[in-house]
């Protein structure tokens, strides 16, 4: 059963990866690049400062930094623990895939830290800002999904790597948002 699911994951990867073409490559590379999200982060920081003030925003920055650190380290733990090859190293798919950026990173790819981090940030800020900005959840979740799909599009992760990353990110985003809200009330920030 597990082998069958991996086979389906590889088939889905090839299908999704081949939906791309050169005219869209730049768009997906932009969303896949961690620096492509800086304008969004600046906007979220602005809203955080506006609604929570300087002290709480400082705590928020520390919380997000730790959140991303946790996701990255957990992703590394899984990558080297599970040792699932990235698509470009997997002989079942590497001959028939599109590798958009010419390299695919480290040898192992389960699970996607990019997907985890984007989902974590989206969930964290949705929980914090949803009462102030009702529209925030949908754009942030769409952004997280775009970042996740970009990893498949450019050829560096299988769909299950991305879905796992999104799920883990949502979980830790929720946990860290709850901890942040608790700290706000506990320390009267």
N, C-alpha and C. Protein backbone atom coordinates (compact mmCIF):
# COMPACT_ATOMS: atom_id res chain seq x y z
N UNK A 1 0.82 -1.19 0.00
CA UNK A 1 0.00 0.00 0.00
C UNK A 1 0.87 1.27 0.00
N UNK A 2 1.90 1.27 0.86
CA UNK A 2 2.77 2.44 0.94
C UNK A 2 3.50 2.67 -0.38
N UNK A 3 3.96 1.59 -0.99
CA UNK A 3 4.65 1.71 -2.28
C UNK A 3 3.70 2.25 -3.35
N UNK A 4 2.45 1.85 -3.28
CA UNK A 4 1.47 2.35 -4.24
C UNK A 4 1.24 3.86 -4.06
N UNK A 5 1.18 4.31 -2.81
CA UNK A 5 1.02 5.74 -2.54
C UNK A 5 2.22 6.53 -3.04
N UNK A 6 3.42 5.99 -2.86
CA UNK A 6 4.61 6.65 -3.38
C UNK A 6 4.58 6.72 -4.90
N UNK A 7 4.11 5.64 -5.52
CA UNK A 7 3.98 5.62 -6.98
C UNK A 7 2.99 6.71 -7.45
N UNK A 8 1.85 6.81 -6.77
CA UNK A 8 0.87 7.86 -7.11
C UNK A 8 1.45 9.25 -6.90
N UNK A 9 2.23 9.42 -5.86
CA UNK A 9 2.87 10.70 -5.58
C UNK A 9 3.82 11.08 -6.72
N UNK A 10 4.56 10.11 -7.21
CA UNK A 10 5.48 10.38 -8.32
C UNK A 10 4.73 10.69 -9.61
N UNK A 11 3.65 9.98 -9.85
CA UNK A 11 2.82 10.26 -11.03
C UNK A 11 2.22 11.65 -10.96
N UNK A 12 1.70 12.01 -9.78
CA UNK A 12 1.14 13.34 -9.59
C UNK A 12 2.21 14.41 -9.74
N UNK A 13 3.40 14.14 -9.24
CA UNK A 13 4.51 15.08 -9.40
C UNK A 13 4.78 15.35 -10.88
N UNK A 14 4.91 14.28 -11.66
CA UNK A 14 5.19 14.45 -13.09
C UNK A 14 4.08 15.24 -13.79
N UNK A 15 2.84 14.95 -13.43
CA UNK A 15 1.72 15.68 -14.03
C UNK A 15 1.80 17.17 -13.69
N UNK A 16 1.94 17.49 -12.40
CA UNK A 16 1.97 18.89 -11.97
C UNK A 16 3.21 19.61 -12.46
N UNK A 17 4.33 18.93 -12.45
CA UNK A 17 5.59 19.53 -12.90
C UNK A 17 5.54 19.86 -14.38
N UNK A 18 4.84 19.04 -15.15
CA UNK A 18 4.75 19.25 -16.60
C UNK A 18 3.67 20.25 -17.00
N UNK A 19 2.92 20.77 -16.05
CA UNK A 19 1.96 21.83 -16.37
C UNK A 19 2.68 23.14 -16.69
N UNK A 20 3.94 23.22 -16.31
CA UNK A 20 4.70 24.45 -16.49
C UNK A 20 5.24 24.63 -17.89
N UNK A 21 5.62 25.88 -18.15
CA UNK A 21 6.33 26.21 -19.39
C UNK A 21 7.23 27.41 -19.10
N UNK A 22 8.14 27.68 -20.00
CA UNK A 22 9.15 28.70 -19.76
C UNK A 22 8.57 30.08 -19.49
N UNK A 23 7.42 30.40 -20.06
CA UNK A 23 6.85 31.73 -19.84
C UNK A 23 6.38 31.92 -18.39
N UNK A 24 6.11 30.85 -17.67
CA UNK A 24 5.69 30.94 -16.27
C UNK A 24 6.81 30.66 -15.28
N UNK A 25 7.95 30.22 -15.75
CA UNK A 25 9.03 29.83 -14.84
C UNK A 25 9.45 30.95 -13.89
N UNK A 26 9.58 32.16 -14.38
CA UNK A 26 9.99 33.29 -13.55
C UNK A 26 9.02 33.55 -12.41
N UNK A 27 7.73 33.46 -12.70
CA UNK A 27 6.69 33.65 -11.67
C UNK A 27 6.87 32.65 -10.54
N UNK A 28 7.00 31.37 -10.90
CA UNK A 28 7.09 30.33 -9.88
C UNK A 28 8.44 30.35 -9.16
N UNK A 29 9.49 30.74 -9.86
CA UNK A 29 10.79 30.90 -9.19
C UNK A 29 10.74 32.03 -8.16
N UNK A 30 10.04 33.11 -8.49
CA UNK A 30 9.88 34.22 -7.56
C UNK A 30 9.22 33.74 -6.26
N UNK A 31 8.13 32.99 -6.38
CA UNK A 31 7.43 32.52 -5.18
C UNK A 31 8.20 31.44 -4.44
N UNK A 32 9.05 30.73 -5.14
CA UNK A 32 9.84 29.70 -4.50
C UNK A 32 11.05 30.27 -3.76
N UNK A 33 11.47 31.45 -4.16
CA UNK A 33 12.62 32.10 -3.53
C UNK A 33 12.19 32.72 -2.20
N UNK A 34 12.93 32.43 -1.14
CA UNK A 34 12.54 32.94 0.18
C UNK A 34 12.52 34.46 0.23
N UNK A 35 13.30 35.12 -0.61
CA UNK A 35 13.31 36.58 -0.61
C UNK A 35 12.11 37.17 -1.34
N UNK A 36 11.42 36.36 -2.11
CA UNK A 36 10.23 36.83 -2.81
C UNK A 36 9.09 37.19 -1.87
N UNK A 37 9.14 36.68 -0.64
CA UNK A 37 8.07 36.94 0.32
C UNK A 37 8.35 38.15 1.21
N UNK A 38 9.48 38.79 1.05
CA UNK A 38 9.83 39.93 1.92
C UNK A 38 8.76 41.03 1.90
N UNK A 39 8.20 41.42 0.74
CA UNK A 39 7.15 42.45 0.79
C UNK A 39 5.95 42.04 1.66
N UNK A 40 5.58 40.77 1.60
CA UNK A 40 4.48 40.29 2.45
C UNK A 40 4.87 40.38 3.92
N UNK A 41 6.09 39.97 4.25
CA UNK A 41 6.55 40.03 5.64
C UNK A 41 6.56 41.46 6.16
N UNK A 42 6.98 42.39 5.34
CA UNK A 42 6.99 43.80 5.75
C UNK A 42 5.56 44.28 6.02
N UNK A 43 4.63 43.90 5.16
CA UNK A 43 3.23 44.27 5.35
C UNK A 43 2.66 43.67 6.64
N UNK A 44 2.98 42.42 6.90
CA UNK A 44 2.51 41.77 8.13
C UNK A 44 3.13 42.42 9.36
N UNK A 45 4.38 42.80 9.25
CA UNK A 45 5.05 43.50 10.35
C UNK A 45 4.38 44.86 10.61
N UNK A 46 4.04 45.57 9.54
CA UNK A 46 3.35 46.85 9.67
C UNK A 46 2.02 46.68 10.42
N UNK A 47 1.21 45.71 10.00
CA UNK A 47 -0.07 45.48 10.66
C UNK A 47 0.12 45.04 12.11
N UNK A 48 1.13 44.24 12.36
CA UNK A 48 1.40 43.79 13.73
C UNK A 48 1.75 44.98 14.61
N UNK A 49 2.61 45.84 14.14
CA UNK A 49 2.99 47.03 14.90
C UNK A 49 1.78 47.94 15.13
N UNK A 50 0.98 48.09 14.10
CA UNK A 50 -0.20 48.95 14.18
C UNK A 50 -1.20 48.46 15.23
N UNK A 51 -1.42 47.15 15.28
CA UNK A 51 -2.44 46.61 16.16
C UNK A 51 -1.93 46.16 17.53
N UNK A 52 -0.65 45.85 17.64
CA UNK A 52 -0.13 45.33 18.90
C UNK A 52 0.87 46.24 19.60
N UNK A 53 1.47 47.18 18.88
CA UNK A 53 2.46 48.06 19.49
C UNK A 53 3.87 47.51 19.39
N UNK A 54 4.82 48.30 19.85
CA UNK A 54 6.25 47.98 19.68
C UNK A 54 6.69 46.76 20.49
N UNK A 55 6.33 46.69 21.77
CA UNK A 55 6.78 45.58 22.63
C UNK A 55 6.24 44.25 22.12
N UNK A 56 4.96 44.23 21.83
CA UNK A 56 4.36 42.99 21.34
C UNK A 56 4.92 42.60 19.97
N UNK A 57 5.22 43.58 19.13
CA UNK A 57 5.79 43.28 17.82
C UNK A 57 7.19 42.69 17.96
N UNK A 58 7.95 43.17 18.93
CA UNK A 58 9.27 42.59 19.19
C UNK A 58 9.13 41.13 19.61
N UNK A 59 8.19 40.86 20.51
CA UNK A 59 7.92 39.47 20.91
C UNK A 59 7.45 38.65 19.71
N UNK A 60 6.64 39.25 18.86
CA UNK A 60 6.15 38.59 17.66
C UNK A 60 7.31 38.20 16.74
N UNK A 61 8.26 39.11 16.55
CA UNK A 61 9.42 38.81 15.70
C UNK A 61 10.23 37.64 16.25
N UNK A 62 10.42 37.63 17.55
CA UNK A 62 11.14 36.52 18.19
C UNK A 62 10.35 35.22 18.02
N UNK A 63 9.03 35.30 18.19
CA UNK A 63 8.18 34.11 18.04
C UNK A 63 8.26 33.55 16.62
N UNK A 64 8.18 34.41 15.62
CA UNK A 64 8.24 33.97 14.23
C UNK A 64 9.62 33.39 13.91
N UNK A 65 10.67 34.00 14.43
CA UNK A 65 12.02 33.48 14.20
C UNK A 65 12.16 32.07 14.78
N UNK A 66 11.65 31.87 15.99
CA UNK A 66 11.71 30.54 16.60
C UNK A 66 10.82 29.56 15.85
N UNK A 67 9.66 30.02 15.41
CA UNK A 67 8.74 29.19 14.62
C UNK A 67 9.43 28.67 13.36
N UNK A 68 10.09 29.55 12.64
CA UNK A 68 10.78 29.16 11.42
C UNK A 68 11.97 28.24 11.74
N UNK A 69 12.67 28.52 12.82
CA UNK A 69 13.77 27.66 13.24
C UNK A 69 13.27 26.24 13.55
N UNK A 70 12.16 26.15 14.27
CA UNK A 70 11.59 24.84 14.60
C UNK A 70 11.21 24.09 13.33
N UNK A 71 10.53 24.75 12.41
CA UNK A 71 10.14 24.10 11.15
C UNK A 71 11.36 23.65 10.36
N UNK A 72 12.36 24.52 10.24
CA UNK A 72 13.57 24.17 9.48
C UNK A 72 14.29 22.97 10.09
N UNK A 73 14.45 22.99 11.41
CA UNK A 73 15.18 21.90 12.06
C UNK A 73 14.39 20.60 12.00
N UNK A 74 13.08 20.68 12.15
CA UNK A 74 12.26 19.47 12.03
C UNK A 74 12.32 18.93 10.60
N UNK A 75 12.29 19.82 9.62
CA UNK A 75 12.41 19.39 8.22
C UNK A 75 13.75 18.70 7.99
N UNK A 76 14.82 19.26 8.51
CA UNK A 76 16.14 18.63 8.38
C UNK A 76 16.18 17.27 9.06
N UNK A 77 15.58 17.18 10.24
CA UNK A 77 15.51 15.90 10.96
C UNK A 77 14.81 14.85 10.10
N UNK A 78 13.68 15.22 9.51
CA UNK A 78 12.93 14.28 8.66
C UNK A 78 13.69 13.97 7.37
N UNK A 79 14.30 14.99 6.77
CA UNK A 79 15.02 14.76 5.51
C UNK A 79 16.11 13.71 5.69
N UNK A 80 16.85 13.82 6.78
CA UNK A 80 17.95 12.87 6.98
C UNK A 80 17.50 11.60 7.71
N UNK A 81 16.33 11.65 8.34
CA UNK A 81 15.78 10.46 8.97
C UNK A 81 15.03 9.58 7.98
N UNK A 82 14.18 10.19 7.16
CA UNK A 82 13.39 9.45 6.18
C UNK A 82 14.22 9.13 4.94
N UNK A 83 15.05 10.07 4.53
CA UNK A 83 15.95 9.92 3.38
C UNK A 83 15.21 9.66 2.06
N UNK A 84 14.14 10.39 1.88
CA UNK A 84 13.42 10.30 0.60
C UNK A 84 14.11 11.21 -0.40
N UNK A 85 14.49 10.65 -1.51
CA UNK A 85 15.21 11.42 -2.52
C UNK A 85 14.33 12.52 -3.10
N UNK A 86 14.97 13.64 -3.41
CA UNK A 86 14.28 14.69 -4.15
C UNK A 86 14.05 14.17 -5.57
N UNK A 87 13.10 14.77 -6.29
CA UNK A 87 12.79 14.28 -7.64
C UNK A 87 14.00 14.19 -8.57
N UNK A 88 14.90 15.15 -8.52
CA UNK A 88 16.03 15.13 -9.45
C UNK A 88 17.02 14.00 -9.17
N UNK A 89 16.97 13.44 -7.97
CA UNK A 89 17.83 12.31 -7.62
C UNK A 89 17.11 10.97 -7.74
N UNK A 90 15.82 11.00 -7.93
CA UNK A 90 15.00 9.79 -8.01
C UNK A 90 14.98 9.29 -9.45
N UNK A 91 15.54 8.12 -9.68
CA UNK A 91 15.67 7.60 -11.05
C UNK A 91 14.31 7.26 -11.67
N UNK A 92 13.25 7.16 -10.87
CA UNK A 92 11.92 6.90 -11.42
C UNK A 92 11.36 8.11 -12.16
N UNK A 93 11.82 9.31 -11.81
CA UNK A 93 11.22 10.51 -12.39
C UNK A 93 12.23 11.49 -12.99
N UNK A 94 13.48 11.39 -12.63
CA UNK A 94 14.42 12.47 -13.00
C UNK A 94 14.65 12.63 -14.49
N UNK A 95 14.45 11.60 -15.27
CA UNK A 95 14.62 11.72 -16.72
C UNK A 95 13.44 12.42 -17.39
N UNK A 96 12.27 12.36 -16.78
CA UNK A 96 11.08 12.91 -17.42
C UNK A 96 10.55 14.18 -16.78
N UNK A 97 11.29 14.80 -15.89
CA UNK A 97 10.80 15.97 -15.19
C UNK A 97 11.42 17.26 -15.70
N UNK A 98 10.83 18.38 -15.34
CA UNK A 98 11.39 19.70 -15.61
C UNK A 98 12.08 20.19 -14.34
N UNK A 99 13.37 20.45 -14.43
CA UNK A 99 14.09 21.06 -13.32
C UNK A 99 14.34 22.50 -13.71
N UNK A 100 13.54 23.41 -13.19
CA UNK A 100 13.50 24.78 -13.68
C UNK A 100 14.76 25.56 -13.37
N UNK A 101 15.29 25.43 -12.17
CA UNK A 101 16.41 26.28 -11.78
C UNK A 101 17.78 25.64 -11.99
N UNK A 102 17.85 24.46 -12.54
CA UNK A 102 19.13 23.84 -12.85
C UNK A 102 19.74 23.05 -11.71
N UNK A 103 19.23 23.20 -10.50
CA UNK A 103 19.67 22.39 -9.37
C UNK A 103 18.48 22.20 -8.44
N UNK A 104 18.55 21.18 -7.60
CA UNK A 104 17.38 20.93 -6.76
C UNK A 104 17.70 20.91 -5.28
N UNK A 105 18.86 21.33 -4.88
CA UNK A 105 19.18 21.37 -3.46
C UNK A 105 19.78 20.07 -2.98
N UNK A 106 19.66 19.85 -1.68
CA UNK A 106 20.21 18.63 -1.07
C UNK A 106 19.58 17.37 -1.62
N UNK A 107 20.16 16.27 -1.28
CA UNK A 107 19.74 14.98 -1.84
C UNK A 107 18.34 14.56 -1.38
N UNK A 108 17.97 14.92 -0.15
CA UNK A 108 16.71 14.45 0.42
C UNK A 108 15.71 15.59 0.53
N UNK A 109 14.41 15.25 0.37
CA UNK A 109 13.42 16.30 0.31
C UNK A 109 12.18 16.14 1.16
N UNK A 110 12.08 15.10 1.98
CA UNK A 110 10.85 14.94 2.77
C UNK A 110 11.05 15.52 4.16
N UNK A 111 10.42 16.56 4.48
CA UNK A 111 9.32 17.30 3.89
C UNK A 111 9.79 18.70 3.51
N UNK A 112 8.96 19.44 2.81
CA UNK A 112 9.34 20.76 2.32
C UNK A 112 9.32 21.81 3.42
N UNK A 113 10.50 22.34 3.75
CA UNK A 113 10.59 23.41 4.75
C UNK A 113 9.97 24.70 4.22
N UNK A 114 10.08 24.95 2.91
CA UNK A 114 9.44 26.13 2.32
C UNK A 114 7.93 26.08 2.56
N UNK A 115 7.33 24.94 2.28
CA UNK A 115 5.88 24.79 2.48
C UNK A 115 5.53 24.92 3.95
N UNK A 116 6.32 24.30 4.81
CA UNK A 116 6.05 24.37 6.25
C UNK A 116 6.14 25.80 6.76
N UNK A 117 7.17 26.50 6.37
CA UNK A 117 7.35 27.87 6.85
C UNK A 117 6.27 28.81 6.33
N UNK A 118 5.91 28.67 5.07
CA UNK A 118 4.86 29.56 4.53
C UNK A 118 3.52 29.28 5.20
N UNK A 119 3.19 28.01 5.42
CA UNK A 119 1.94 27.68 6.09
C UNK A 119 1.96 28.13 7.55
N UNK A 120 3.10 28.00 8.19
CA UNK A 120 3.22 28.42 9.59
C UNK A 120 3.02 29.92 9.73
N UNK A 121 3.67 30.68 8.87
CA UNK A 121 3.52 32.15 8.90
C UNK A 121 2.08 32.53 8.58
N UNK A 122 1.49 31.89 7.59
CA UNK A 122 0.11 32.19 7.21
C UNK A 122 -0.85 31.91 8.37
N UNK A 123 -0.70 30.78 9.01
CA UNK A 123 -1.58 30.41 10.12
C UNK A 123 -1.35 31.33 11.32
N UNK A 124 -0.10 31.58 11.65
CA UNK A 124 0.26 32.42 12.79
C UNK A 124 -0.38 33.81 12.65
N UNK A 125 -0.17 34.45 11.51
CA UNK A 125 -0.70 35.80 11.33
C UNK A 125 -2.20 35.82 11.12
N UNK A 126 -2.75 34.77 10.55
CA UNK A 126 -4.21 34.69 10.43
C UNK A 126 -4.84 34.68 11.82
N UNK A 127 -4.30 33.87 12.70
CA UNK A 127 -4.85 33.78 14.04
C UNK A 127 -4.70 35.09 14.81
N UNK A 128 -3.61 35.80 14.57
CA UNK A 128 -3.37 37.04 15.30
C UNK A 128 -4.15 38.23 14.74
N UNK A 129 -4.33 38.26 13.44
CA UNK A 129 -4.90 39.45 12.81
C UNK A 129 -6.34 39.29 12.31
N UNK A 130 -6.90 38.09 12.42
CA UNK A 130 -8.22 37.85 11.83
C UNK A 130 -9.32 38.72 12.43
N UNK A 131 -9.21 39.11 13.69
CA UNK A 131 -10.24 39.96 14.27
C UNK A 131 -10.10 41.41 13.81
N UNK A 132 -8.90 41.79 13.41
CA UNK A 132 -8.65 43.16 12.94
C UNK A 132 -8.78 43.28 11.42
N UNK A 133 -8.36 42.25 10.73
CA UNK A 133 -8.38 42.23 9.26
C UNK A 133 -9.12 40.97 8.82
N UNK A 134 -10.39 41.08 8.61
CA UNK A 134 -11.21 39.90 8.29
C UNK A 134 -10.76 39.20 7.02
N UNK A 135 -10.17 39.93 6.10
CA UNK A 135 -9.79 39.37 4.80
C UNK A 135 -8.47 38.62 4.82
N UNK A 136 -7.75 38.63 5.92
CA UNK A 136 -6.36 38.18 5.95
C UNK A 136 -6.19 36.69 5.68
N UNK A 137 -7.10 35.85 6.13
CA UNK A 137 -6.92 34.40 6.06
C UNK A 137 -6.80 33.89 4.62
N UNK A 138 -7.69 34.30 3.76
CA UNK A 138 -7.71 33.75 2.40
C UNK A 138 -6.44 34.12 1.63
N UNK A 139 -6.03 35.40 1.60
CA UNK A 139 -4.79 35.70 0.86
C UNK A 139 -3.56 34.99 1.43
N UNK A 140 -3.48 34.89 2.76
CA UNK A 140 -2.32 34.23 3.35
C UNK A 140 -2.30 32.73 3.03
N UNK A 141 -3.44 32.09 3.07
CA UNK A 141 -3.49 30.66 2.76
C UNK A 141 -3.24 30.42 1.27
N UNK A 142 -3.73 31.30 0.42
CA UNK A 142 -3.44 31.18 -1.01
C UNK A 142 -1.94 31.35 -1.24
N UNK A 143 -1.34 32.33 -0.58
CA UNK A 143 0.12 32.54 -0.69
C UNK A 143 0.88 31.28 -0.26
N UNK A 144 0.49 30.68 0.87
CA UNK A 144 1.17 29.47 1.35
C UNK A 144 1.04 28.33 0.33
N UNK A 145 -0.13 28.18 -0.25
CA UNK A 145 -0.33 27.13 -1.26
C UNK A 145 0.47 27.41 -2.53
N UNK A 146 0.57 28.67 -2.92
CA UNK A 146 1.38 29.03 -4.09
C UNK A 146 2.85 28.70 -3.84
N UNK A 147 3.34 29.04 -2.65
CA UNK A 147 4.73 28.71 -2.31
C UNK A 147 4.92 27.20 -2.35
N UNK A 148 3.97 26.47 -1.77
CA UNK A 148 4.07 25.01 -1.78
C UNK A 148 4.08 24.44 -3.20
N UNK A 149 3.14 24.90 -4.03
CA UNK A 149 3.09 24.40 -5.40
C UNK A 149 4.34 24.77 -6.18
N UNK A 150 4.90 25.93 -5.88
CA UNK A 150 6.10 26.35 -6.61
C UNK A 150 7.23 25.35 -6.45
N UNK A 151 7.26 24.66 -5.32
CA UNK A 151 8.32 23.67 -5.07
C UNK A 151 8.15 22.45 -5.99
N UNK A 152 6.91 22.12 -6.30
CA UNK A 152 6.64 21.03 -7.25
C UNK A 152 6.93 21.52 -8.67
N UNK A 153 6.45 22.71 -8.98
CA UNK A 153 6.60 23.28 -10.32
C UNK A 153 8.07 23.34 -10.73
N UNK A 154 8.93 23.83 -9.83
CA UNK A 154 10.34 23.97 -10.20
C UNK A 154 11.11 22.65 -10.12
N UNK A 155 10.47 21.60 -9.57
CA UNK A 155 11.04 20.26 -9.61
C UNK A 155 11.86 19.84 -8.42
N UNK A 156 11.64 20.46 -7.25
CA UNK A 156 12.48 20.12 -6.11
C UNK A 156 11.79 19.31 -5.02
N UNK A 157 10.46 19.16 -5.11
CA UNK A 157 9.72 18.37 -4.11
C UNK A 157 8.57 17.62 -4.76
N UNK A 158 8.28 16.46 -4.18
CA UNK A 158 7.09 15.70 -4.55
C UNK A 158 5.87 16.31 -3.86
N UNK A 159 4.66 16.08 -4.39
CA UNK A 159 3.46 16.64 -3.75
C UNK A 159 3.30 16.24 -2.28
N UNK A 160 3.61 14.99 -1.95
CA UNK A 160 3.46 14.56 -0.55
C UNK A 160 4.43 15.30 0.36
N UNK A 161 5.62 15.64 -0.14
CA UNK A 161 6.58 16.46 0.63
C UNK A 161 5.96 17.81 0.97
N UNK A 162 5.29 18.39 -0.02
CA UNK A 162 4.68 19.71 0.14
C UNK A 162 3.46 19.63 1.06
N UNK A 163 2.59 18.65 0.85
CA UNK A 163 1.40 18.51 1.71
C UNK A 163 1.78 18.27 3.17
N UNK A 164 2.80 17.46 3.39
CA UNK A 164 3.27 17.23 4.76
C UNK A 164 3.81 18.53 5.34
N UNK A 165 4.59 19.26 4.56
CA UNK A 165 5.12 20.54 5.02
C UNK A 165 4.01 21.52 5.36
N UNK A 166 3.00 21.60 4.51
CA UNK A 166 1.87 22.50 4.78
C UNK A 166 1.17 22.11 6.08
N UNK A 167 0.94 20.83 6.28
CA UNK A 167 0.25 20.36 7.49
C UNK A 167 1.07 20.65 8.75
N UNK A 168 2.35 20.36 8.68
CA UNK A 168 3.22 20.63 9.84
C UNK A 168 3.29 22.13 10.11
N UNK A 169 3.40 22.92 9.06
CA UNK A 169 3.43 24.36 9.22
C UNK A 169 2.16 24.90 9.85
N UNK A 170 1.01 24.41 9.41
CA UNK A 170 -0.26 24.85 9.99
C UNK A 170 -0.31 24.51 11.49
N UNK A 171 0.15 23.32 11.82
CA UNK A 171 0.14 22.91 13.23
C UNK A 171 1.03 23.82 14.07
N UNK A 172 2.27 24.03 13.65
CA UNK A 172 3.17 24.85 14.45
C UNK A 172 2.78 26.33 14.41
N UNK A 173 2.21 26.80 13.31
CA UNK A 173 1.70 28.17 13.27
C UNK A 173 0.60 28.37 14.30
N UNK A 174 -0.28 27.39 14.41
CA UNK A 174 -1.36 27.43 15.39
C UNK A 174 -0.80 27.41 16.82
N UNK A 175 0.15 26.50 17.08
CA UNK A 175 0.75 26.39 18.41
C UNK A 175 1.43 27.69 18.80
N UNK A 176 2.24 28.24 17.92
CA UNK A 176 2.98 29.46 18.24
C UNK A 176 2.05 30.66 18.37
N UNK A 177 0.97 30.71 17.61
CA UNK A 177 0.00 31.79 17.76
C UNK A 177 -0.67 31.71 19.13
N UNK A 178 -1.04 30.50 19.55
CA UNK A 178 -1.64 30.32 20.88
C UNK A 178 -0.67 30.74 21.97
N UNK A 179 0.61 30.36 21.83
CA UNK A 179 1.63 30.76 22.82
C UNK A 179 1.82 32.27 22.83
N UNK A 180 1.82 32.89 21.65
CA UNK A 180 1.97 34.34 21.57
C UNK A 180 0.80 35.05 22.24
N UNK A 181 -0.42 34.60 21.97
CA UNK A 181 -1.61 35.20 22.57
C UNK A 181 -1.57 35.03 24.09
N UNK A 182 -1.15 33.87 24.55
CA UNK A 182 -1.01 33.63 25.99
C UNK A 182 0.00 34.62 26.59
N UNK A 183 1.15 34.79 25.92
CA UNK A 183 2.18 35.72 26.41
C UNK A 183 1.67 37.16 26.42
N UNK A 184 0.90 37.55 25.41
CA UNK A 184 0.33 38.90 25.38
C UNK A 184 -0.52 39.17 26.62
N UNK A 185 -1.35 38.19 26.96
CA UNK A 185 -2.23 38.36 28.11
C UNK A 185 -1.48 38.23 29.44
N UNK A 186 -0.56 37.29 29.48
CA UNK A 186 0.19 37.04 30.71
C UNK A 186 1.05 38.24 31.10
N UNK A 187 1.70 38.85 30.13
CA UNK A 187 2.63 39.95 30.40
C UNK A 187 2.03 41.31 30.09
N UNK A 188 0.74 41.36 29.77
CA UNK A 188 0.01 42.61 29.52
C UNK A 188 0.69 43.47 28.46
N UNK A 189 1.04 42.85 27.34
CA UNK A 189 1.71 43.59 26.26
C UNK A 189 0.72 44.21 25.31
